[in-house]
Structures are given as C-alpha cells and as structure tokens.
Amino acid sequence: MEDLKKILGGAVNALRTIKIPEEKITDLAYLTGNMLADKIDPGNKEQKLLNDLRLEADKEEWKILARLVVLVSNKTPRE
C-alpha cells in the first residue's frame, strides 16, 4: 500500500508543480480510478475495498472518495 501511495503522491505532486487546480486533480483521480476499476481486477484487499466502495457510490460520492485518495496519497506515513 505504501508503494501505491508513493506513486499516487508523486503524480499528485507533479500535477501541483505544473499548477493543475485541485478540482482537476480530483477529476483525473476519478477518471483514472474508474478506468483502472473497469480494466484491472483488485489485487489485494485494499483495492477490493476501493472497488466495492466505487460500486456502491453514486458519481458524487465516488468523486469524494477520489478526492480523499488524492489527499491520503500525498501524506507521509507519519502524518
């Protein structure tokens, strides 16, 4: 899970560095999450949980979840 957080955090930092607005970063996370969920089977219990949440959520709830994933991916383990 920490590897995934590092990858996502790096992507978020890169987007922020080039001044992409937070709303657009959330939109990209939402679209990427949908694409990955539709194409790739969950590989572990955390990915399965995210997929289960996505399947139960409406569009606005899934966008909120995507935003939370962006926020969490940008934190260090001790934050």
Protein backbone atom coordinates (compact mmCIF):
# COMPACT_ATOMS: atom_id res chain seq x y z
CA MET A 1 0.00 0.00 0.00
CA GLU A 2 2.87 2.39 0.75
CA ASP A 3 4.25 1.85 -2.79
CA LEU A 4 0.88 2.82 -4.26
CA LYS A 5 0.76 5.91 -2.02
CA LYS A 6 4.24 6.91 -3.24
CA ILE A 7 3.25 6.53 -6.88
CA LEU A 8 0.00 8.44 -6.44
CA GLY A 9 1.67 11.07 -4.28
CA GLY A 10 4.34 11.59 -6.93
CA ALA A 11 1.68 12.03 -9.61
CA VAL A 12 -0.26 14.50 -7.45
CA ASN A 13 2.91 16.48 -6.70
CA ALA A 14 3.79 16.59 -10.41
CA LEU A 15 0.32 17.92 -11.24
CA ARG A 16 0.56 20.53 -8.50
CA THR A 17 4.03 21.56 -9.70
CA ILE A 18 2.61 22.42 -13.10
CA LYS A 19 -0.21 24.33 -11.38
CA ILE A 20 -3.10 21.98 -12.17
CA PRO A 21 -6.06 23.07 -9.98
CA GLU A 22 -7.10 20.72 -7.17
CA GLU A 23 -10.52 20.21 -8.76
CA LYS A 24 -8.87 18.96 -11.95
CA ILE A 25 -6.59 16.66 -9.95
CA THR A 26 -9.69 15.18 -8.31
CA ASP A 27 -11.36 14.79 -11.71
CA LEU A 28 -8.28 12.98 -13.03
CA ALA A 29 -8.25 10.70 -9.96
CA TYR A 30 -11.93 9.96 -10.52
CA LEU A 31 -11.44 9.13 -14.20
CA THR A 32 -8.29 7.10 -13.56
CA GLY A 33 -9.96 5.17 -10.75
CA ASN A 34 -12.90 4.30 -12.98
CA MET A 35 -10.64 3.21 -15.81
CA LEU A 36 -8.49 1.03 -13.55
CA ALA A 37 -11.51 -0.46 -11.78
CA ASP A 38 -13.10 -1.38 -15.11
CA LYS A 39 -9.93 -2.92 -16.58
CA ILE A 40 -8.00 -4.43 -13.67
CA ASP A 41 -9.15 -6.92 -11.06
CA PRO A 42 -8.41 -5.86 -7.46
CA GLY A 43 -5.07 -7.35 -6.48
CA ASN A 44 -5.39 -7.05 -2.73
CA LYS A 45 -7.93 -6.36 0.00
CA GLU A 46 -7.40 -2.58 -0.12
CA GLN A 47 -8.05 -2.44 -3.86
CA LYS A 48 -11.09 -4.69 -3.42
CA LEU A 49 -12.45 -2.34 -0.74
CA LEU A 50 -11.98 0.69 -3.01
CA ASN A 51 -13.71 -1.17 -5.83
CA ASP A 52 -16.60 -2.20 -3.55
CA LEU A 53 -16.99 1.42 -2.42
CA ARG A 54 -16.96 2.59 -6.04
CA LEU A 55 -19.68 0.11 -6.98
CA GLU A 56 -21.93 1.30 -4.15
CA ALA A 57 -21.27 5.02 -4.58
CA ASP A 58 -23.09 7.42 -6.85
CA LYS A 59 -21.00 9.78 -9.01
CA GLU A 60 -20.68 12.50 -6.37
CA GLU A 61 -19.74 10.02 -3.64
CA TRP A 62 -17.12 8.46 -5.91
CA LYS A 63 -15.67 11.92 -6.60
CA ILE A 64 -15.44 12.50 -2.85
CA LEU A 65 -13.67 9.16 -2.46
CA ALA A 66 -11.29 10.07 -5.31
CA ARG A 67 -10.51 13.36 -3.54
CA LEU A 68 -9.79 11.51 -0.31
CA VAL A 69 -7.46 9.12 -2.13
CA VAL A 70 -5.61 12.14 -3.54
CA LEU A 71 -5.27 13.64 -0.06
CA VAL A 72 -4.12 10.39 1.57
CA SER A 73 -1.67 9.58 -1.22
CA ASN A 74 0.09 12.86 -0.63
CA LYS A 75 0.77 12.24 3.07
CA THR A 76 3.80 10.59 4.55
CA PRO A 77 3.18 7.53 6.75
CA ARG A 78 3.65 9.54 9.97
CA GLU A 79 1.25 12.40 9.07
